[in-house]
Amino acid sequence: MVAPIDLEGLADACGACHLCPLAAGRQQVVVGRGNARARLMVIGEAPGAQEDASGLPFVGRSGQLLEQLLLEAAIDPHHDAYIANVVKCRPPQNRKPTRAELAACLPWLEQQVQLVNPAVVLLAGASAMDALLGIKGGITRLRGQWHQSETPWLRGRWLMPVLHPSYLLRNPSSRQGSPLWHTKRDLQEVRRRLDPPAGQLL
């Protein structure tokens, strides 16, 4: 696999990819959207039906909630973030991607992260946490915690698992201690990481 020189080249390469069976059922490959020079990258699981139709990640109800939560944390989703998924093609019936599908797409994500070069990576959901940190399950316990990785393409970046917006849609309460309440606090911590106090390095 030859490394693309830019994100446009990556999108073209992903469009020609048939490394796993998901390619046969896709309408479009869903690569990414947002500011390709942003210091924050948000990585989710896989495209859904609306993403498959539009070719853009996080544009359905989950994406609308994600944008709302980012804005509430003073993070502009179009200027301050680049948004992508681990898997670039929609799994049938929006099922969870298999380990083989995650593995097939991971080299594309690796190149994508290197091209965007974010300082902070938000891992939305358990599949993203598993794919990038090798941690299986336990996201309700691990959400909101900063991690670093010795994987070469992740080294030096700050990674935080957060609950996936689709989970928050199923649990909409905003009372203190709720998943939504915790997620809002997590995103405030991300905002602080993006804007450290004067004289303090990341």
C-alpha atoms as a PDB file:
ATOM      1  CA  MET A   1       0.000   0.000   0.000  1.00  0.00           C
ATOM      2  CA  VAL A   2       1.572   3.288  -1.165  1.00  0.00           C
ATOM      3  CA  ALA A   3       1.054   6.203   1.222  1.00  0.00           C
ATOM      4  CA  PRO A   4      -1.006   9.019  -0.383  1.00  0.00           C
ATOM      5  CA  ILE A   5       0.621  12.442  -0.328  1.00  0.00           C
ATOM      6  CA  ASP A   6      -2.575  14.262   0.758  1.00  0.00           C
ATOM      7  CA  LEU A   7      -6.130  13.625   1.934  1.00  0.00           C
ATOM      8  CA  GLU A   8      -7.510  13.860  -1.590  1.00  0.00           C
ATOM      9  CA  GLY A   9      -5.170  11.081  -2.632  1.00  0.00           C
ATOM     10  CA  LEU A  10      -6.225   9.095   0.417  1.00  0.00           C
ATOM     11  CA  ALA A  11      -9.888   9.458  -0.547  1.00  0.00           C
ATOM     12  CA  ASP A  12      -9.120   8.220  -4.059  1.00  0.00           C
ATOM     13  CA  ALA A  13      -7.181   5.245  -2.680  1.00  0.00           C
ATOM     14  CA  CYS A  14      -9.982   4.366  -0.262  1.00  0.00           C
ATOM     15  CA  GLY A  15     -12.482   4.582  -3.126  1.00  0.00           C
ATOM     16  CA  ALA A  16     -10.559   1.867  -4.950  1.00  0.00           C
ATOM     17  CA  CYS A  17     -10.204  -0.343  -1.863  1.00  0.00           C
ATOM     18  CA  HIS A  18     -11.684  -3.863  -1.817  1.00  0.00           C
ATOM     19  CA  LEU A  19      -9.711  -5.280   1.103  1.00  0.00           C
ATOM     20  CA  CYS A  20     -12.847  -6.469   2.911  1.00  0.00           C
ATOM     21  CA  PRO A  21     -16.404  -7.513   1.940  1.00  0.00           C
ATOM     22  CA  LEU A  22     -17.905  -4.168   2.987  1.00  0.00           C
ATOM     23  CA  ALA A  23     -16.771  -2.688  -0.330  1.00  0.00           C
ATOM     24  CA  ALA A  24     -19.366  -4.746  -2.195  1.00  0.00           C
ATOM     25  CA  GLY A  25     -22.311  -3.167  -0.374  1.00  0.00           C
ATOM     26  CA  ARG A  26     -21.257   0.479  -0.112  1.00  0.00           C
ATOM     27  CA  GLN A  27     -22.731   3.416  -1.970  1.00  0.00           C
ATOM     28  CA  GLN A  28     -19.724   5.582  -1.196  1.00  0.00           C
ATOM     29  CA  VAL A  29     -16.530   5.415   0.782  1.00  0.00           C
ATOM     30  CA  VAL A  30     -16.778   7.757   3.772  1.00  0.00           C
ATOM     31  CA  VAL A  31     -13.346   9.204   4.514  1.00  0.00           C
ATOM     32  CA  GLY A  32     -13.540  12.425   6.526  1.00  0.00           C
ATOM     33  CA  ARG A  33     -14.714  16.015   6.859  1.00  0.00           C
ATOM     34  CA  GLY A  34     -13.694  19.190   8.626  1.00  0.00           C
ATOM     35  CA  ASN A  35     -10.459  21.123   8.892  1.00  0.00           C
ATOM     36  CA  ALA A  36      -7.585  18.964   7.663  1.00  0.00           C
ATOM     37  CA  ARG A  37      -5.185  21.100   9.731  1.00  0.00           C
ATOM     38  CA  ALA A  38      -7.178  20.942  12.964  1.00  0.00           C
ATOM     39  CA  ARG A  39      -5.427  20.056  16.209  1.00  0.00           C
ATOM     40  CA  LEU A  40      -8.397  17.841  17.158  1.00  0.00           C
ATOM     41  CA  MET A  41      -9.413  14.676  15.312  1.00  0.00           C
ATOM     42  CA  VAL A  42     -12.643  12.872  16.196  1.00  0.00           C
ATOM     43  CA  ILE A  43     -12.704   9.172  15.254  1.00  0.00           C
ATOM     44  CA  GLY A  44     -15.893   7.123  15.374  1.00  0.00           C
ATOM     45  CA  GLU A  45     -16.770   3.568  14.447  1.00  0.00           C
ATOM     46  CA  ALA A  46     -18.233   3.315  10.927  1.00  0.00           C
ATOM     47  CA  PRO A  47     -20.640   5.087   8.570  1.00  0.00           C
ATOM     48  CA  GLY A  48     -24.407   4.691   8.845  1.00  0.00           C
ATOM     49  CA  ALA A  49     -27.037   4.961   6.121  1.00  0.00           C
ATOM     50  CA  GLN A  50     -26.931   8.755   5.817  1.00  0.00           C
ATOM     51  CA  GLU A  51     -23.145   8.769   5.793  1.00  0.00           C
ATOM     52  CA  ASP A  52     -23.107   6.061   3.114  1.00  0.00           C
ATOM     53  CA  ALA A  53     -25.468   8.153   0.985  1.00  0.00           C
ATOM     54  CA  SER A  54     -23.654  11.472   1.458  1.00  0.00           C
ATOM     55  CA  GLY A  55     -20.047  10.269   1.581  1.00  0.00           C
ATOM     56  CA  LEU A  56     -19.460  12.276   4.789  1.00  0.00           C
ATOM     57  CA  PRO A  57     -19.012  10.980   8.357  1.00  0.00           C
ATOM     58  CA  PHE A  58     -21.290  11.919  11.262  1.00  0.00           C
ATOM     59  CA  VAL A  59     -24.064  13.659   9.301  1.00  0.00           C
ATOM     60  CA  GLY A  60     -27.064  11.778  10.727  1.00  0.00           C
ATOM     61  CA  ARG A  61     -28.643  12.247  14.165  1.00  0.00           C
ATOM     62  CA  SER A  62     -25.427  11.152  15.898  1.00  0.00           C
ATOM     63  CA  GLY A  63     -23.453  13.683  13.905  1.00  0.00           C
ATOM     64  CA  GLN A  64     -25.887  16.469  14.705  1.00  0.00           C
ATOM     65  CA  LEU A  65     -25.567  15.696  18.409  1.00  0.00           C
ATOM     66  CA  LEU A  66     -21.775  15.520  18.124  1.00  0.00           C
ATOM     67  CA  GLU A  67     -21.671  18.967  16.517  1.00  0.00           C
ATOM     68  CA  GLN A  68     -23.997  20.386  19.175  1.00  0.00           C
ATOM     69  CA  LEU A  69     -21.843  19.013  21.994  1.00  0.00           C
ATOM     70  CA  LEU A  70     -18.630  20.291  20.416  1.00  0.00           C
ATOM     71  CA  LEU A  71     -20.139  23.754  19.991  1.00  0.00           C
ATOM     72  CA  GLU A  72     -21.262  23.769  23.633  1.00  0.00           C
ATOM     73  CA  ALA A  73     -17.630  23.090  24.558  1.00  0.00           C
ATOM     74  CA  ALA A  74     -16.516  26.044  22.376  1.00  0.00           C
ATOM     75  CA  ILE A  75     -15.101  23.685  19.727  1.00  0.00           C
ATOM     76  CA  ASP A  76     -16.174  24.603  16.196  1.00  0.00           C
ATOM     77  CA  PRO A  77     -16.751  21.235  14.439  1.00  0.00           C
ATOM     78  CA  HIS A  78     -15.928  22.745  11.040  1.00  0.00           C
ATOM     79  CA  HIS A  79     -12.874  24.820  11.982  1.00  0.00           C
ATOM     80  CA  ASP A  80     -11.447  23.177  15.104  1.00  0.00           C
ATOM     81  CA  ALA A  81     -11.914  19.493  14.261  1.00  0.00           C
ATOM     82  CA  TYR A  82     -11.415  16.877  11.575  1.00  0.00           C
ATOM     83  CA  ILE A  83     -13.961  14.031  11.784  1.00  0.00           C
ATOM     84  CA  ALA A  84     -13.535  10.459  10.530  1.00  0.00           C
ATOM     85  CA  ASN A  85     -14.296   6.819  11.315  1.00  0.00           C
ATOM     86  CA  VAL A  86     -12.095   3.776  11.754  1.00  0.00           C
ATOM     87  CA  VAL A  87     -14.064   1.886   9.079  1.00  0.00           C
ATOM     88  CA  LYS A  88     -14.720   3.754   5.836  1.00  0.00           C
ATOM     89  CA  CYS A  89     -17.609   1.661   4.449  1.00  0.00           C
ATOM     90  CA  ARG A  90     -21.028   1.050   5.996  1.00  0.00           C
ATOM     91  CA  PRO A  91     -21.525  -2.365   7.631  1.00  0.00           C
ATOM     92  CA  PRO A  92     -24.882  -3.975   6.690  1.00  0.00           C
ATOM     93  CA  GLN A  93     -27.783  -2.859   8.917  1.00  0.00           C
ATOM     94  CA  ASN A  94     -25.325  -0.608  10.766  1.00  0.00           C
ATOM     95  CA  ARG A  95     -23.958  -3.578  12.683  1.00  0.00           C
ATOM     96  CA  LYS A  96     -20.721  -3.314  14.614  1.00  0.00           C
ATOM     97  CA  PRO A  97     -17.651  -3.772  12.375  1.00  0.00           C
ATOM     98  CA  THR A  98     -15.924  -7.116  12.696  1.00  0.00           C
ATOM     99  CA  ARG A  99     -12.332  -7.367  13.896  1.00  0.00           C
ATOM    100  CA  ALA A 100     -11.288  -8.269  10.319  1.00  0.00           C
ATOM    101  CA  GLU A 101     -13.030  -5.168   8.929  1.00  0.00           C
ATOM    102  CA  LEU A 102     -11.388  -2.944  11.528  1.00  0.00           C
ATOM    103  CA  ALA A 103      -7.992  -4.465  10.710  1.00  0.00           C
ATOM    104  CA  ALA A 104      -8.506  -3.988   6.957  1.00  0.00           C
ATOM    105  CA  CYS A 105      -9.274  -0.283   7.403  1.00  0.00           C
ATOM    106  CA  LEU A 106      -6.690   0.538  10.054  1.00  0.00           C
ATOM    107  CA  PRO A 107      -3.859   1.259   7.560  1.00  0.00           C
ATOM    108  CA  TRP A 108      -6.077   3.892   5.920  1.00  0.00           C
ATOM    109  CA  LEU A 109      -6.756   5.476   9.303  1.00  0.00           C
ATOM    110  CA  GLU A 110      -3.050   5.415  10.122  1.00  0.00           C
ATOM    111  CA  GLN A 111      -2.290   7.409   6.980  1.00  0.00           C
ATOM    112  CA  GLN A 112      -5.207   9.749   7.698  1.00  0.00           C
ATOM    113  CA  VAL A 113      -3.965  10.520  11.208  1.00  0.00           C
ATOM    114  CA  GLN A 114      -0.452  11.154   9.906  1.00  0.00           C
ATOM    115  CA  LEU A 115      -1.749  13.518   7.211  1.00  0.00           C
ATOM    116  CA  VAL A 116      -3.960  15.517   9.593  1.00  0.00           C
ATOM    117  CA  ASN A 117      -1.376  15.296  12.390  1.00  0.00           C
ATOM    118  CA  PRO A 118      -3.690  16.180  15.302  1.00  0.00           C
ATOM    119  CA  ALA A 119      -2.399  16.882  18.804  1.00  0.00           C
ATOM    120  CA  VAL A 120      -5.605  15.500  20.366  1.00  0.00           C
ATOM    121  CA  VAL A 121      -7.664  12.496  19.250  1.00  0.00           C
ATOM    122  CA  LEU A 122     -11.188  11.894  20.521  1.00  0.00           C
ATOM    123  CA  LEU A 123     -12.207   8.220  20.314  1.00  0.00           C
ATOM    124  CA  ALA A 124     -15.990   8.119  20.001  1.00  0.00           C
ATOM    125  CA  GLY A 125     -17.187   4.709  21.142  1.00  0.00           C
ATOM    126  CA  ALA A 126     -15.772   1.345  22.116  1.00  0.00           C
ATOM    127  CA  SER A 127     -14.783   0.242  18.588  1.00  0.00           C
ATOM    128  CA  ALA A 128     -12.548   3.293  18.108  1.00  0.00           C
ATOM    129  CA  MET A 129     -11.044   2.779  21.562  1.00  0.00           C
ATOM    130  CA  ASP A 130     -10.351  -0.874  20.758  1.00  0.00           C
ATOM    131  CA  ALA A 131      -8.887  -0.139  17.307  1.00  0.00           C
ATOM    132  CA  LEU A 132      -6.487   2.594  18.439  1.00  0.00           C
ATOM    133  CA  LEU A 133      -5.670   1.700  22.028  1.00  0.00           C
ATOM    134  CA  GLY A 134      -6.255  -2.062  21.991  1.00  0.00           C
ATOM    135  CA  ILE A 135      -8.645  -1.747  24.930  1.00  0.00           C
ATOM    136  CA  LYS A 136     -11.727  -3.934  24.659  1.00  0.00           C
ATOM    137  CA  GLY A 137     -14.874  -2.817  26.474  1.00  0.00           C
ATOM    138  CA  GLY A 138     -15.150  -0.759  29.612  1.00  0.00           C
ATOM    139  CA  ILE A 139     -15.667   2.585  27.878  1.00  0.00           C
ATOM    140  CA  THR A 140     -18.084   3.767  30.558  1.00  0.00           C
ATOM    141  CA  ARG A 141     -15.221   3.345  33.030  1.00  0.00           C
ATOM    142  CA  LEU A 142     -12.447   4.659  30.772  1.00  0.00           C
ATOM    143  CA  ARG A 143     -14.259   7.584  29.147  1.00  0.00           C
ATOM    144  CA  GLY A 144     -12.835  10.980  29.948  1.00  0.00           C
ATOM    145  CA  GLN A 145      -9.349   9.656  30.720  1.00  0.00           C
ATOM    146  CA  TRP A 146      -6.289  10.751  28.772  1.00  0.00           C
ATOM    147  CA  HIS A 147      -4.168   8.047  27.149  1.00  0.00           C
ATOM    148  CA  GLN A 148      -0.970   8.003  25.147  1.00  0.00           C
ATOM    149  CA  SER A 149       0.254   5.243  22.868  1.00  0.00           C
ATOM    150  CA  GLU A 150       3.638   3.887  21.853  1.00  0.00           C
ATOM    151  CA  THR A 151       2.248   2.976  18.425  1.00  0.00           C
ATOM    152  CA  PRO A 152       4.490   5.051  16.105  1.00  0.00           C
ATOM    153  CA  TRP A 153       1.695   6.929  14.306  1.00  0.00           C
ATOM    154  CA  LEU A 154      -0.029   7.777  17.604  1.00  0.00           C
ATOM    155  CA  ARG A 155       3.060   8.605  19.655  1.00  0.00           C
ATOM    156  CA  GLY A 156       3.008  12.092  21.148  1.00  0.00           C
ATOM    157  CA  ARG A 157      -0.734  12.548  20.708  1.00  0.00           C
ATOM    158  CA  TRP A 158      -3.281  12.777  23.517  1.00  0.00           C
ATOM    159  CA  LEU A 159      -6.169  10.316  23.116  1.00  0.00           C
ATOM    160  CA  MET A 160      -9.440  10.359  25.043  1.00  0.00           C
ATOM    161  CA  PRO A 161     -12.267   7.790  24.749  1.00  0.00           C
ATOM    162  CA  VAL A 162     -15.774   9.261  24.991  1.00  0.00           C
ATOM    163  CA  LEU A 163     -19.224   7.762  24.715  1.00  0.00           C
ATOM    164  CA  HIS A 164     -20.524   7.521  21.149  1.00  0.00           C
ATOM    165  CA  PRO A 165     -23.262  10.042  20.277  1.00  0.00           C
ATOM    166  CA  SER A 166     -25.583   7.169  19.276  1.00  0.00           C
ATOM    167  CA  TYR A 167     -25.406   5.918  22.874  1.00  0.00           C
ATOM    168  CA  LEU A 168     -26.221   9.402  24.128  1.00  0.00           C
ATOM    169  CA  LEU A 169     -29.268   9.545  21.850  1.00  0.00           C
ATOM    170  CA  ARG A 170     -30.540   6.402  23.571  1.00  0.00           C
ATOM    171  CA  ASN A 171     -29.797   7.955  26.975  1.00  0.00           C
ATOM    172  CA  PRO A 172     -30.850  11.600  26.559  1.00  0.00           C
ATOM    173  CA  SER A 173     -31.096  12.621  30.209  1.00  0.00           C
ATOM    174  CA  SER A 174     -28.772  15.509  31.095  1.00  0.00           C
ATOM    175  CA  ARG A 175     -29.099  15.180  34.867  1.00  0.00           C
ATOM    176  CA  GLN A 176     -25.928  15.194  36.938  1.00  0.00           C
ATOM    177  CA  GLY A 177     -24.087  11.878  36.626  1.00  0.00           C
ATOM    178  CA  SER A 178     -25.820  10.872  33.373  1.00  0.00           C
ATOM    179  CA  PRO A 179     -23.834   9.778  30.273  1.00  0.00           C
ATOM    180  CA  LEU A 180     -24.642  13.078  28.562  1.00  0.00           C
ATOM    181  CA  TRP A 181     -23.538  15.079  31.609  1.00  0.00           C
ATOM    182  CA  HIS A 182     -20.244  13.179  31.728  1.00  0.00           C
ATOM    183  CA  THR A 183     -19.675  13.663  27.989  1.00  0.00           C
ATOM    184  CA  LYS A 184     -20.124  17.420  28.272  1.00  0.00           C
ATOM    185  CA  ARG A 185     -17.526  17.479  31.050  1.00  0.00           C
ATOM    186  CA  ASP A 186     -15.181  15.316  28.950  1.00  0.00           C
ATOM    187  CA  LEU A 187     -15.419  17.751  26.043  1.00  0.00           C
ATOM    188  CA  GLN A 188     -14.645  20.645  28.353  1.00  0.00           C
ATOM    189  CA  GLU A 189     -11.465  18.787  29.300  1.00  0.00           C
ATOM    190  CA  VAL A 190     -10.667  18.377  25.588  1.00  0.00           C
ATOM    191  CA  ARG A 191     -11.136  22.133  25.153  1.00  0.00           C
ATOM    192  CA  ARG A 192      -8.674  22.751  27.993  1.00  0.00           C
ATOM    193  CA  ARG A 193      -6.167  20.402  26.391  1.00  0.00           C
ATOM    194  CA  LEU A 194      -6.472  22.251  23.084  1.00  0.00           C
ATOM    195  CA  ASP A 195      -5.979  25.613  24.807  1.00  0.00           C
ATOM    196  CA  PRO A 196      -3.417  25.137  27.586  1.00  0.00           C
ATOM    197  CA  PRO A 197      -2.675  28.110  29.843  1.00  0.00           C
ATOM    198  CA  ALA A 198      -0.113  30.596  28.617  1.00  0.00           C
ATOM    199  CA  GLY A 199       3.397  29.198  28.904  1.00  0.00           C
ATOM    200  CA  GLN A 200       2.196  25.608  29.349  1.00  0.00           C
ATOM    201  CA  LEU A 201       3.015  23.079  26.672  1.00  0.00           C
ATOM    202  CA  LEU A 202       0.729  20.256  25.567  1.00  0.00           C
END
